[in-house]
Full PDB file with SEQRES, HELIX, SHEET, SSBOND, CRYST1, ORIGX, SCALE, CONECT and MASTER records, all heavy atoms in Angstrom:
SEQRES   1 A   42  ASN GLU ALA ARG ALA SER ILE GLY ASP ARG VAL VAL ARG          
SEQRES   2 A   42  ALA PRO PHE SER GLY TYR VAL SER LEU ARG ARG ILE SER          
SEQRES   3 A   42  VAL GLY ALA VAL VAL SER ALA GLY ASP GLU ILE ALA ALA          
SEQRES   4 A   42  VAL ASN ASP                                                  
HELIX    1 AA1 GLU A    2  ASP A    9  1                                   8    
SHEET    1 AA1 2 TYR A  19  VAL A  20  0                                        
SHEET    2 AA1 2 VAL A  40  ASN A  41 -1                                        
CRYST1    1.000    1.000    1.000  90.00  90.00  90.00 P 1           1          
ORIGX1      1.000000  0.000000  0.000000        0.00000                         
ORIGX2      0.000000  1.000000  0.000000        0.00000                         
ORIGX3      0.000000  0.000000  1.000000        0.00000                         
SCALE1      1.000000  0.000000  0.000000        0.00000                         
SCALE2      0.000000  1.000000  0.000000        0.00000                         
SCALE3      0.000000  0.000000  1.000000        0.00000                         
ATOM      1  N   ASN A   1      -2.055  13.196  -4.536  1.00  0.00           N  
ATOM      2  CA  ASN A   1      -2.795  11.955  -4.325  1.00  0.00           C  
ATOM      3  C   ASN A   1      -1.852  10.764  -4.193  1.00  0.00           C  
ATOM      4  O   ASN A   1      -2.092   9.837  -3.408  1.00  0.00           O  
ATOM      5  CB  ASN A   1      -3.767  11.726  -5.479  1.00  0.00           C  
ATOM      6  CG  ASN A   1      -4.925  12.703  -5.472  1.00  0.00           C  
ATOM      7  OD1 ASN A   1      -5.283  13.241  -4.417  1.00  0.00           O  
ATOM      8  ND2 ASN A   1      -5.504  12.956  -6.644  1.00  0.00           N  
ATOM      9  N   GLU A   2      -0.773  10.778  -4.972  1.00  0.00           N  
ATOM     10  CA  GLU A   2       0.208   9.700  -4.887  1.00  0.00           C  
ATOM     11  C   GLU A   2       0.873   9.667  -3.513  1.00  0.00           C  
ATOM     12  O   GLU A   2       1.051   8.589  -2.914  1.00  0.00           O  
ATOM     13  CB  GLU A   2       1.259   9.888  -5.977  1.00  0.00           C  
ATOM     14  CG  GLU A   2       2.305   8.783  -6.002  1.00  0.00           C  
ATOM     15  CD  GLU A   2       3.344   8.990  -7.083  1.00  0.00           C  
ATOM     16  OE1 GLU A   2       3.244   9.989  -7.819  1.00  0.00           O  
ATOM     17  OE2 GLU A   2       4.267   8.148  -7.188  1.00  0.00           O  
ATOM     18  N   ALA A   3       1.219  10.837  -2.991  1.00  0.00           N  
ATOM     19  CA  ALA A   3       1.816  10.910  -1.656  1.00  0.00           C  
ATOM     20  C   ALA A   3       0.820  10.460  -0.595  1.00  0.00           C  
ATOM     21  O   ALA A   3       1.182   9.786   0.376  1.00  0.00           O  
ATOM     22  CB  ALA A   3       2.291  12.334  -1.385  1.00  0.00           C  
ATOM     23  N   ARG A   4      -0.440  10.809  -0.767  1.00  0.00           N  
ATOM     24  CA  ARG A   4      -1.484  10.394   0.189  1.00  0.00           C  
ATOM     25  C   ARG A   4      -1.661   8.876   0.156  1.00  0.00           C  
ATOM     26  O   ARG A   4      -1.829   8.233   1.196  1.00  0.00           O  
ATOM     27  CB  ARG A   4      -2.785  11.118  -0.159  1.00  0.00           C  
ATOM     28  CG  ARG A   4      -3.835  11.067   0.934  1.00  0.00           C  
ATOM     29  CD  ARG A   4      -5.042  11.912   0.583  1.00  0.00           C  
ATOM     30  NE  ARG A   4      -4.707  13.346   0.595  1.00  0.00           N  
ATOM     31  CZ  ARG A   4      -4.647  14.124  -0.482  1.00  0.00           C  
ATOM     32  NH1 ARG A   4      -4.861  13.606  -1.683  1.00  0.00           N  
ATOM     33  NH2 ARG A   4      -4.352  15.397  -0.374  1.00  0.00           N  
ATOM     34  N   ALA A   5      -1.635   8.271  -1.047  1.00  0.00           N  
ATOM     35  CA  ALA A   5      -1.764   6.818  -1.171  1.00  0.00           C  
ATOM     36  C   ALA A   5      -0.574   6.110  -0.546  1.00  0.00           C  
ATOM     37  O   ALA A   5      -0.711   5.033   0.059  1.00  0.00           O  
ATOM     38  CB  ALA A   5      -1.899   6.430  -2.636  1.00  0.00           C  
ATOM     39  N   SER A   6       0.613   6.705  -0.695  1.00  0.00           N  
ATOM     40  CA  SER A   6       1.807   6.112  -0.100  1.00  0.00           C  
ATOM     41  C   SER A   6       1.688   6.075   1.419  1.00  0.00           C  
ATOM     42  O   SER A   6       2.104   5.106   2.065  1.00  0.00           O  
ATOM     43  CB  SER A   6       3.046   6.900  -0.526  1.00  0.00           C  
ATOM     44  OG  SER A   6       4.215   6.311   0.004  1.00  0.00           O  
ATOM     45  N   ILE A   7       1.103   7.111   1.997  1.00  0.00           N  
ATOM     46  CA  ILE A   7       0.880   7.129   3.448  1.00  0.00           C  
ATOM     47  C   ILE A   7      -0.151   6.070   3.819  1.00  0.00           C  
ATOM     48  O   ILE A   7      -0.015   5.334   4.814  1.00  0.00           O  
ATOM     49  CB  ILE A   7       0.434   8.528   3.901  1.00  0.00           C  
ATOM     50  CG1 ILE A   7       1.587   9.515   3.757  1.00  0.00           C  
ATOM     51  CG2 ILE A   7      -0.069   8.495   5.346  1.00  0.00           C  
ATOM     52  CD1 ILE A   7       1.216  10.940   4.084  1.00  0.00           C  
ATOM     53  N   GLY A   8      -1.210   5.927   3.001  1.00  0.00           N  
ATOM     54  CA  GLY A   8      -2.243   4.914   3.269  1.00  0.00           C  
ATOM     55  C   GLY A   8      -1.698   3.507   3.245  1.00  0.00           C  
ATOM     56  O   GLY A   8      -2.137   2.633   4.003  1.00  0.00           O  
ATOM     57  N   ASP A   9      -0.713   3.265   2.363  1.00  0.00           N  
ATOM     58  CA  ASP A   9      -0.113   1.935   2.298  1.00  0.00           C  
ATOM     59  C   ASP A   9       0.629   1.581   3.579  1.00  0.00           C  
ATOM     60  O   ASP A   9       0.886   0.390   3.841  1.00  0.00           O  
ATOM     61  CB  ASP A   9       0.870   1.857   1.124  1.00  0.00           C  
ATOM     62  CG  ASP A   9       0.139   1.797  -0.214  1.00  0.00           C  
ATOM     63  OD1 ASP A   9      -1.071   1.484  -0.206  1.00  0.00           O  
ATOM     64  OD2 ASP A   9       0.776   2.073  -1.249  1.00  0.00           O  
ATOM     65  N   ARG A  10       0.976   2.554   4.346  1.00  0.00           N  
ATOM     66  CA  ARG A  10       1.729   2.324   5.580  1.00  0.00           C  
ATOM     67  C   ARG A  10       0.820   2.184   6.796  1.00  0.00           C  
ATOM     68  O   ARG A  10       1.309   2.099   7.925  1.00  0.00           O  
ATOM     69  CB  ARG A  10       2.761   3.442   5.767  1.00  0.00           C  
ATOM     70  CG  ARG A  10       3.958   3.267   4.851  1.00  0.00           C  
ATOM     71  CD  ARG A  10       4.735   4.536   4.622  1.00  0.00           C  
ATOM     72  NE  ARG A  10       5.961   4.268   3.874  1.00  0.00           N  
ATOM     73  CZ  ARG A  10       5.997   4.036   2.563  1.00  0.00           C  
ATOM     74  NH1 ARG A  10       4.878   4.040   1.854  1.00  0.00           N  
ATOM     75  NH2 ARG A  10       7.151   3.799   1.960  1.00  0.00           N  
ATOM     76  N   VAL A  11      -0.479   2.160   6.551  1.00  0.00           N  
ATOM     77  CA  VAL A  11      -1.461   1.832   7.597  1.00  0.00           C  
ATOM     78  C   VAL A  11      -2.138   0.534   7.164  1.00  0.00           C  
ATOM     79  O   VAL A  11      -2.927   0.509   6.216  1.00  0.00           O  
ATOM     80  CB  VAL A  11      -2.492   2.950   7.789  1.00  0.00           C  
ATOM     81  CG1 VAL A  11      -3.499   2.555   8.875  1.00  0.00           C  
ATOM     82  CG2 VAL A  11      -1.802   4.257   8.139  1.00  0.00           C  
ATOM     83  N   VAL A  12      -1.828  -0.567   7.831  1.00  0.00           N  
ATOM     84  CA  VAL A  12      -2.334  -1.887   7.460  1.00  0.00           C  
ATOM     85  C   VAL A  12      -3.625  -2.148   8.220  1.00  0.00           C  
ATOM     86  O   VAL A  12      -3.670  -2.032   9.456  1.00  0.00           O  
ATOM     87  CB  VAL A  12      -1.294  -2.981   7.779  1.00  0.00           C  
ATOM     88  CG1 VAL A  12      -1.813  -4.357   7.369  1.00  0.00           C  
ATOM     89  CG2 VAL A  12       0.026  -2.678   7.083  1.00  0.00           C  
ATOM     90  N   ARG A  13      -4.688  -2.505   7.485  1.00  0.00           N  
ATOM     91  CA  ARG A  13      -6.013  -2.691   8.098  1.00  0.00           C  
ATOM     92  C   ARG A  13      -6.543  -4.100   7.839  1.00  0.00           C  
ATOM     93  O   ARG A  13      -6.111  -4.793   6.904  1.00  0.00           O  
ATOM     94  CB  ARG A  13      -6.996  -1.654   7.553  1.00  0.00           C  
ATOM     95  CG  ARG A  13      -6.563  -0.214   7.827  1.00  0.00           C  
ATOM     96  CD  ARG A  13      -7.597   0.800   7.382  1.00  0.00           C  
ATOM     97  NE  ARG A  13      -7.136   2.155   7.640  1.00  0.00           N  
ATOM     98  CZ  ARG A  13      -7.244   2.787   8.797  1.00  0.00           C  
ATOM     99  NH1 ARG A  13      -7.842   2.153   9.821  1.00  0.00           N  
ATOM    100  NH2 ARG A  13      -6.809   4.017   8.965  1.00  0.00           N  
ATOM    101  N   ALA A  14      -7.501  -4.515   8.680  1.00  0.00           N  
ATOM    102  CA  ALA A  14      -8.116  -5.838   8.539  1.00  0.00           C  
ATOM    103  C   ALA A  14      -9.052  -5.839   7.339  1.00  0.00           C  
ATOM    104  O   ALA A  14      -9.917  -4.964   7.224  1.00  0.00           O  
ATOM    105  CB  ALA A  14      -8.886  -6.201   9.807  1.00  0.00           C  
ATOM    106  N   PRO A  15      -8.923  -6.803   6.433  1.00  0.00           N  
ATOM    107  CA  PRO A  15      -9.796  -6.834   5.246  1.00  0.00           C  
ATOM    108  C   PRO A  15     -11.219  -7.285   5.549  1.00  0.00           C  
ATOM    109  O   PRO A  15     -12.141  -7.029   4.780  1.00  0.00           O  
ATOM    110  CB  PRO A  15      -9.095  -7.830   4.329  1.00  0.00           C  
ATOM    111  CG  PRO A  15      -8.327  -8.716   5.257  1.00  0.00           C  
ATOM    112  CD  PRO A  15      -7.913  -7.867   6.416  1.00  0.00           C  
ATOM    113  N   PHE A  16     -11.418  -7.992   6.665  1.00  0.00           N  
ATOM    114  CA  PHE A  16     -12.752  -8.418   7.097  1.00  0.00           C  
ATOM    115  C   PHE A  16     -12.687  -8.692   8.595  1.00  0.00           C  
ATOM    116  O   PHE A  16     -11.593  -8.737   9.190  1.00  0.00           O  
ATOM    117  CB  PHE A  16     -13.231  -9.666   6.332  1.00  0.00           C  
ATOM    118  CG  PHE A  16     -12.219 -10.779   6.265  1.00  0.00           C  
ATOM    119  CD1 PHE A  16     -12.015 -11.637   7.341  1.00  0.00           C  
ATOM    120  CD2 PHE A  16     -11.453 -10.969   5.121  1.00  0.00           C  
ATOM    121  CE1 PHE A  16     -11.073 -12.649   7.282  1.00  0.00           C  
ATOM    122  CE2 PHE A  16     -10.512 -11.981   5.052  1.00  0.00           C  
ATOM    123  CZ  PHE A  16     -10.324 -12.819   6.125  1.00  0.00           C  
ATOM    124  N   SER A  17     -13.850  -8.861   9.200  1.00  0.00           N  
ATOM    125  CA  SER A  17     -13.907  -9.129  10.646  1.00  0.00           C  
ATOM    126  C   SER A  17     -13.486 -10.568  10.926  1.00  0.00           C  
ATOM    127  O   SER A  17     -13.821 -11.490  10.167  1.00  0.00           O  
ATOM    128  CB  SER A  17     -15.328  -8.899  11.164  1.00  0.00           C  
ATOM    129  OG  SER A  17     -15.723  -7.555  10.965  1.00  0.00           O  
ATOM    130  N   GLY A  18     -12.752 -10.765  12.010  1.00  0.00           N  
ATOM    131  CA  GLY A  18     -12.316 -12.109  12.367  1.00  0.00           C  
ATOM    132  C   GLY A  18     -11.297 -12.082  13.491  1.00  0.00           C  
ATOM    133  O   GLY A  18     -11.040 -11.032  14.098  1.00  0.00           O  
ATOM    134  N   TYR A  19     -10.752 -13.257  13.765  1.00  0.00           N  
ATOM    135  CA  TYR A  19      -9.759 -13.403  14.834  1.00  0.00           C  
ATOM    136  C   TYR A  19      -8.357 -13.339  14.235  1.00  0.00           C  
ATOM    137  O   TYR A  19      -8.089 -13.959  13.202  1.00  0.00           O  
ATOM    138  CB  TYR A  19      -9.948 -14.736  15.556  1.00  0.00           C  
ATOM    139  CG  TYR A  19     -11.227 -14.821  16.350  1.00  0.00           C  
ATOM    140  CD1 TYR A  19     -12.395 -15.298  15.761  1.00  0.00           C  
ATOM    141  CD2 TYR A  19     -11.273 -14.420  17.685  1.00  0.00           C  
ATOM    142  CE1 TYR A  19     -13.578 -15.375  16.484  1.00  0.00           C  
ATOM    143  CE2 TYR A  19     -12.451 -14.494  18.412  1.00  0.00           C  
ATOM    144  CZ  TYR A  19     -13.597 -14.969  17.798  1.00  0.00           C  
ATOM    145  OH  TYR A  19     -14.774 -15.036  18.511  1.00  0.00           O  
ATOM    146  N   VAL A  20      -7.482 -12.597  14.912  1.00  0.00           N  
ATOM    147  CA  VAL A  20      -6.104 -12.508  14.437  1.00  0.00           C  
ATOM    148  C   VAL A  20      -5.267 -13.595  15.104  1.00  0.00           C  
ATOM    149  O   VAL A  20      -5.597 -14.089  16.183  1.00  0.00           O  
ATOM    150  CB  VAL A  20      -5.488 -11.120  14.725  1.00  0.00           C  
ATOM    151  CG1 VAL A  20      -6.169 -10.052  13.912  1.00  0.00           C  
ATOM    152  CG2 VAL A  20      -5.551 -10.793  16.213  1.00  0.00           C  
ATOM    153  N   SER A  21      -4.194 -13.937  14.467  1.00  0.00           N  
ATOM    154  CA  SER A  21      -3.305 -14.963  14.980  1.00  0.00           C  
ATOM    155  C   SER A  21      -2.457 -14.412  16.117  1.00  0.00           C  
ATOM    156  O   SER A  21      -2.542 -13.230  16.476  1.00  0.00           O  
ATOM    157  CB  SER A  21      -2.395 -15.454  13.855  1.00  0.00           C  
ATOM    158  OG  SER A  21      -1.636 -14.356  13.362  1.00  0.00           O  
ATOM    159  N   LEU A  22      -1.647 -15.274  16.695  1.00  0.00           N  
ATOM    160  CA  LEU A  22      -0.696 -14.826  17.711  1.00  0.00           C  
ATOM    161  C   LEU A  22       0.302 -13.856  17.087  1.00  0.00           C  
ATOM    162  O   LEU A  22       0.775 -14.056  15.968  1.00  0.00           O  
ATOM    163  CB  LEU A  22       0.036 -16.028  18.309  1.00  0.00           C  
ATOM    164  CG  LEU A  22      -0.843 -17.098  18.968  1.00  0.00           C  
ATOM    165  CD1 LEU A  22       0.035 -18.193  19.562  1.00  0.00           C  
ATOM    166  CD2 LEU A  22      -1.730 -16.500  20.051  1.00  0.00           C  
ATOM    167  N   ARG A  23       0.623 -12.792  17.832  1.00  0.00           N  
ATOM    168  CA  ARG A  23       1.515 -11.750  17.309  1.00  0.00           C  
ATOM    169  C   ARG A  23       2.957 -12.239  17.334  1.00  0.00           C  
ATOM    170  O   ARG A  23       3.446 -12.718  18.348  1.00  0.00           O  
ATOM    171  CB  ARG A  23       1.344 -10.479  18.149  1.00  0.00           C  
ATOM    172  CG  ARG A  23       2.128  -9.300  17.643  1.00  0.00           C  
ATOM    173  CD  ARG A  23       1.622  -8.008  18.278  1.00  0.00           C  
ATOM    174  NE  ARG A  23       1.715  -8.025  19.723  1.00  0.00           N  
ATOM    175  CZ  ARG A  23       2.810  -7.667  20.408  1.00  0.00           C  
ATOM    176  NH1 ARG A  23       3.889  -7.271  19.765  1.00  0.00           N  
ATOM    177  NH2 ARG A  23       2.813  -7.698  21.722  1.00  0.00           N  
ATOM    178  N   ARG A  24       3.652 -12.079  16.207  1.00  0.00           N  
ATOM    179  CA  ARG A  24       5.052 -12.492  16.102  1.00  0.00           C  
ATOM    180  C   ARG A  24       5.975 -11.336  15.730  1.00  0.00           C  
ATOM    181  O   ARG A  24       7.127 -11.550  15.375  1.00  0.00           O  
ATOM    182  CB  ARG A  24       5.181 -13.620  15.069  1.00  0.00           C  
ATOM    183  CG  ARG A  24       4.474 -14.899  15.495  1.00  0.00           C  
ATOM    184  CD  ARG A  24       4.643 -16.003  14.471  1.00  0.00           C  
ATOM    185  NE  ARG A  24       4.041 -17.243  14.936  1.00  0.00           N  
ATOM    186  CZ  ARG A  24       2.768 -17.568  14.796  1.00  0.00           C  
ATOM    187  NH1 ARG A  24       1.933 -16.726  14.200  1.00  0.00           N  
ATOM    188  NH2 ARG A  24       2.297 -18.714  15.260  1.00  0.00           N  
ATOM    189  N   ILE A  25       5.455 -10.116  15.786  1.00  0.00           N  
ATOM    190  CA  ILE A  25       6.258  -8.928  15.514  1.00  0.00           C  
ATOM    191  C   ILE A  25       6.053  -7.937  16.651  1.00  0.00           C  
ATOM    192  O   ILE A  25       5.089  -8.043  17.417  1.00  0.00           O  
ATOM    193  CB  ILE A  25       5.875  -8.277  14.171  1.00  0.00           C  
ATOM    194  CG1 ILE A  25       4.386  -7.932  14.165  1.00  0.00           C  
ATOM    195  CG2 ILE A  25       6.237  -9.177  13.001  1.00  0.00           C  
ATOM    196  CD1 ILE A  25       3.954  -7.167  12.947  1.00  0.00           C  
ATOM    197  N   SER A  26       6.959  -6.980  16.758  1.00  0.00           N  
ATOM    198  CA  SER A  26       6.898  -5.988  17.823  1.00  0.00           C  
ATOM    199  C   SER A  26       7.083  -4.595  17.247  1.00  0.00           C  
ATOM    200  O   SER A  26       7.621  -4.419  16.137  1.00  0.00           O  
ATOM    201  CB  SER A  26       7.977  -6.256  18.885  1.00  0.00           C  
ATOM    202  OG  SER A  26       7.831  -7.539  19.447  1.00  0.00           O  
ATOM    203  N   VAL A  27       6.659  -3.607  18.023  1.00  0.00           N  
ATOM    204  CA  VAL A  27       6.855  -2.217  17.631  1.00  0.00           C  
ATOM    205  C   VAL A  27       8.360  -1.944  17.566  1.00  0.00           C  
ATOM    206  O   VAL A  27       9.118  -2.345  18.453  1.00  0.00           O  
ATOM    207  CB  VAL A  27       6.169  -1.276  18.634  1.00  0.00           C  
ATOM    208  CG1 VAL A  27       6.516   0.183  18.337  1.00  0.00           C  
ATOM    209  CG2 VAL A  27       4.663  -1.487  18.611  1.00  0.00           C  
ATOM    210  N   GLY A  28       8.775  -1.283  16.512  1.00  0.00           N  
ATOM    211  CA  GLY A  28      10.190  -0.976  16.316  1.00  0.00           C  
ATOM    212  C   GLY A  28      10.889  -1.913  15.369  1.00  0.00           C  
ATOM    213  O   GLY A  28      11.984  -1.597  14.882  1.00  0.00           O  
ATOM    214  N   ALA A  29      10.287  -3.045  15.095  1.00  0.00           N  
ATOM    215  CA  ALA A  29      10.900  -3.996  14.164  1.00  0.00           C  
ATOM    216  C   ALA A  29      10.764  -3.491  12.737  1.00  0.00           C  
ATOM    217  O   ALA A  29       9.788  -2.830  12.375  1.00  0.00           O  
ATOM    218  CB  ALA A  29      10.250  -5.361  14.305  1.00  0.00           C  
ATOM    219  N   VAL A  30      11.757  -3.795  11.925  1.00  0.00           N  
ATOM    220  CA  VAL A  30      11.707  -3.442  10.509  1.00  0.00           C  
ATOM    221  C   VAL A  30      11.199  -4.652   9.734  1.00  0.00           C  
ATOM    222  O   VAL A  30      11.761  -5.748   9.835  1.00  0.00           O  
ATOM    223  CB  VAL A  30      13.090  -3.020   9.992  1.00  0.00           C  
ATOM    224  CG1 VAL A  30      13.046  -2.757   8.488  1.00  0.00           C  
ATOM    225  CG2 VAL A  30      13.571  -1.773  10.723  1.00  0.00           C  
ATOM    226  N   VAL A  31      10.117  -4.458   9.001  1.00  0.00           N  
ATOM    227  CA  VAL A  31       9.550  -5.536   8.188  1.00  0.00           C  
ATOM    228  C   VAL A  31       9.849  -5.262   6.722  1.00  0.00           C  
ATOM    229  O   VAL A  31       9.875  -4.110   6.280  1.00  0.00           O  
ATOM    230  CB  VAL A  31       8.028  -5.655   8.411  1.00  0.00           C  
ATOM    231  CG1 VAL A  31       7.719  -6.165   9.798  1.00  0.00           C  
ATOM    232  CG2 VAL A  31       7.328  -4.332   8.161  1.00  0.00           C  
ATOM    233  N   SER A  32      10.090  -6.311   5.997  1.00  0.00           N  
ATOM    234  CA  SER A  32      10.302  -6.196   4.560  1.00  0.00           C  
ATOM    235  C   SER A  32       8.979  -6.353   3.825  1.00  0.00           C  
ATOM    236  O   SER A  32       8.011  -6.913   4.368  1.00  0.00           O  
ATOM    237  CB  SER A  32      11.294  -7.260   4.085  1.00  0.00           C  
ATOM    238  OG  SER A  32      12.540  -7.114   4.731  1.00  0.00           O  
ATOM    239  N   ALA A  33       8.928  -5.885   2.618  1.00  0.00           N  
ATOM    240  CA  ALA A  33       7.717  -6.037   1.814  1.00  0.00           C  
ATOM    241  C   ALA A  33       7.391  -7.525   1.663  1.00  0.00           C  
ATOM    242  O   ALA A  33       8.240  -8.321   1.267  1.00  0.00           O  
ATOM    243  CB  ALA A  33       7.915  -5.392   0.449  1.00  0.00           C  
ATOM    244  N   GLY A  34       6.173  -7.893   2.021  1.00  0.00           N  
ATOM    245  CA  GLY A  34       5.756  -9.293   1.944  1.00  0.00           C  
ATOM    246  C   GLY A  34       5.824 -10.036   3.257  1.00  0.00           C  
ATOM    247  O   GLY A  34       5.301 -11.153   3.361  1.00  0.00           O  
ATOM    248  N   ASP A  35       6.418  -9.458   4.296  1.00  0.00           N  
ATOM    249  CA  ASP A  35       6.454 -10.112   5.611  1.00  0.00           C  
ATOM    250  C   ASP A  35       5.059 -10.107   6.238  1.00  0.00           C  
ATOM    251  O   ASP A  35       4.324  -9.114   6.139  1.00  0.00           O  
ATOM    252  CB  ASP A  35       7.437  -9.398   6.548  1.00  0.00           C  
ATOM    253  CG  ASP A  35       8.882  -9.663   6.185  1.00  0.00           C  
ATOM    254  OD1 ASP A  35       9.118 -10.509   5.303  1.00  0.00           O  
ATOM    255  OD2 ASP A  35       9.767  -9.009   6.779  1.00  0.00           O  
ATOM    256  N   GLU A  36       4.717 -11.220   6.905  1.00  0.00           N  
ATOM    257  CA  GLU A  36       3.401 -11.306   7.537  1.00  0.00           C  
ATOM    258  C   GLU A  36       3.340 -10.454   8.792  1.00  0.00           C  
ATOM    259  O   GLU A  36       4.227 -10.502   9.636  1.00  0.00           O  
ATOM    260  CB  GLU A  36       3.069 -12.757   7.891  1.00  0.00           C  
ATOM    261  CG  GLU A  36       1.676 -12.919   8.493  1.00  0.00           C  
ATOM    262  CD  GLU A  36       1.328 -14.362   8.820  1.00  0.00           C  
ATOM    263  OE1 GLU A  36       1.684 -14.815   9.929  1.00  0.00           O  
ATOM    264  OE2 GLU A  36       0.718 -15.016   7.963  1.00  0.00           O  
ATOM    265  N   ILE A  37       2.264  -9.680   8.893  1.00  0.00           N  
ATOM    266  CA  ILE A  37       2.007  -8.898  10.104  1.00  0.00           C  
ATOM    267  C   ILE A  37       1.014  -9.642  10.993  1.00  0.00           C  
ATOM    268  O   ILE A  37       1.188  -9.728  12.206  1.00  0.00           O  
ATOM    269  CB  ILE A  37       1.483  -7.501   9.739  1.00  0.00           C  
ATOM    270  CG1 ILE A  37       2.584  -6.710   9.036  1.00  0.00           C  
ATOM    271  CG2 ILE A  37       0.982  -6.764  10.964  1.00  0.00           C  
ATOM    272  CD1 ILE A  37       2.156  -5.355   8.539  1.00  0.00           C  
ATOM    273  N   ALA A  38      -0.024 -10.202  10.397  1.00  0.00           N  
ATOM    274  CA  ALA A  38      -1.021 -10.971  11.152  1.00  0.00           C  
ATOM    275  C   ALA A  38      -1.826 -11.821  10.179  1.00  0.00           C  
ATOM    276  O   ALA A  38      -1.944 -11.481   8.989  1.00  0.00           O  
ATOM    277  CB  ALA A  38      -1.944 -10.046  11.938  1.00  0.00           C  
ATOM    278  N   ALA A  39      -2.377 -12.924  10.680  1.00  0.00           N  
ATOM    279  CA  ALA A  39      -3.322 -13.740   9.913  1.00  0.00           C  
ATOM    280  C   ALA A  39      -4.704 -13.500  10.487  1.00  0.00           C  
ATOM    281  O   ALA A  39      -4.904 -13.588  11.703  1.00  0.00           O  
ATOM    282  CB  ALA A  39      -2.953 -15.215   9.981  1.00  0.00           C  
ATOM    283  N   VAL A  40      -5.659 -13.170   9.633  1.00  0.00           N  
ATOM    284  CA  VAL A  40      -7.032 -12.893  10.071  1.00  0.00           C  
ATOM    285  C   VAL A  40      -7.910 -14.048   9.602  1.00  0.00           C  
ATOM    286  O   VAL A  40      -7.879 -14.431   8.429  1.00  0.00           O  
ATOM    287  CB  VAL A  40      -7.535 -11.560   9.511  1.00  0.00           C  
ATOM    288  CG1 VAL A  40      -8.942 -11.266  10.033  1.00  0.00           C  
ATOM    289  CG2 VAL A  40      -6.588 -10.422   9.894  1.00  0.00           C  
ATOM    290  N   ASN A  41      -8.707 -14.599  10.542  1.00  0.00           N  
ATOM    291  CA  ASN A  41      -9.562 -15.758  10.250  1.00  0.00           C  
ATOM    292  C   ASN A  41     -11.012 -15.436  10.586  1.00  0.00           C  
ATOM    293  O   ASN A  41     -11.322 -15.068  11.725  1.00  0.00           O  
ATOM    294  CB  ASN A  41      -9.127 -16.972  11.074  1.00  0.00           C  
ATOM    295  CG  ASN A  41      -7.695 -17.377  10.790  1.00  0.00           C  
ATOM    296  OD1 ASN A  41      -7.423 -18.132   9.883  1.00  0.00           O  
ATOM    297  ND2 ASN A  41      -6.759 -16.853  11.584  1.00  0.00           N  
ATOM    298  N   ASP A  42     -11.866 -15.601   9.607  1.00  0.00           N  
ATOM    299  CA  ASP A  42     -13.310 -15.470   9.831  1.00  0.00           C  
ATOM    300  C   ASP A  42     -13.832 -16.837  10.247  1.00  0.00           C  
ATOM    301  O   ASP A  42     -13.905 -17.759   9.431  1.00  0.00           O  
ATOM    302  CB  ASP A  42     -13.990 -14.982   8.560  1.00  0.00           C  
ATOM    303  CG  ASP A  42     -15.512 -14.937   8.695  1.00  0.00           C  
ATOM    304  OD1 ASP A  42     -16.020 -15.093   9.825  1.00  0.00           O  
ATOM    305  OD2 ASP A  42     -16.195 -14.750   7.665  1.00  0.00           O  
TER     306      ASP A  42                                                      
MASTER        0    0    0    1    2    0    0    6  305    1    0    4          
END                                                                             
C-alpha cells in the first residue's frame, strides 16, 4: 500500500473544477518538492 501511495503522489490531479493558469513548465523538466505545477481557479 505504501508503494501504491508513492505512485499516486506522482500523479498530480485538480482538487476542484476550474481554469488553470498559463503553463510555465514542460515535459522533461525536473521539479522540486513544492514547485508550482499549475494554479487552478474556480
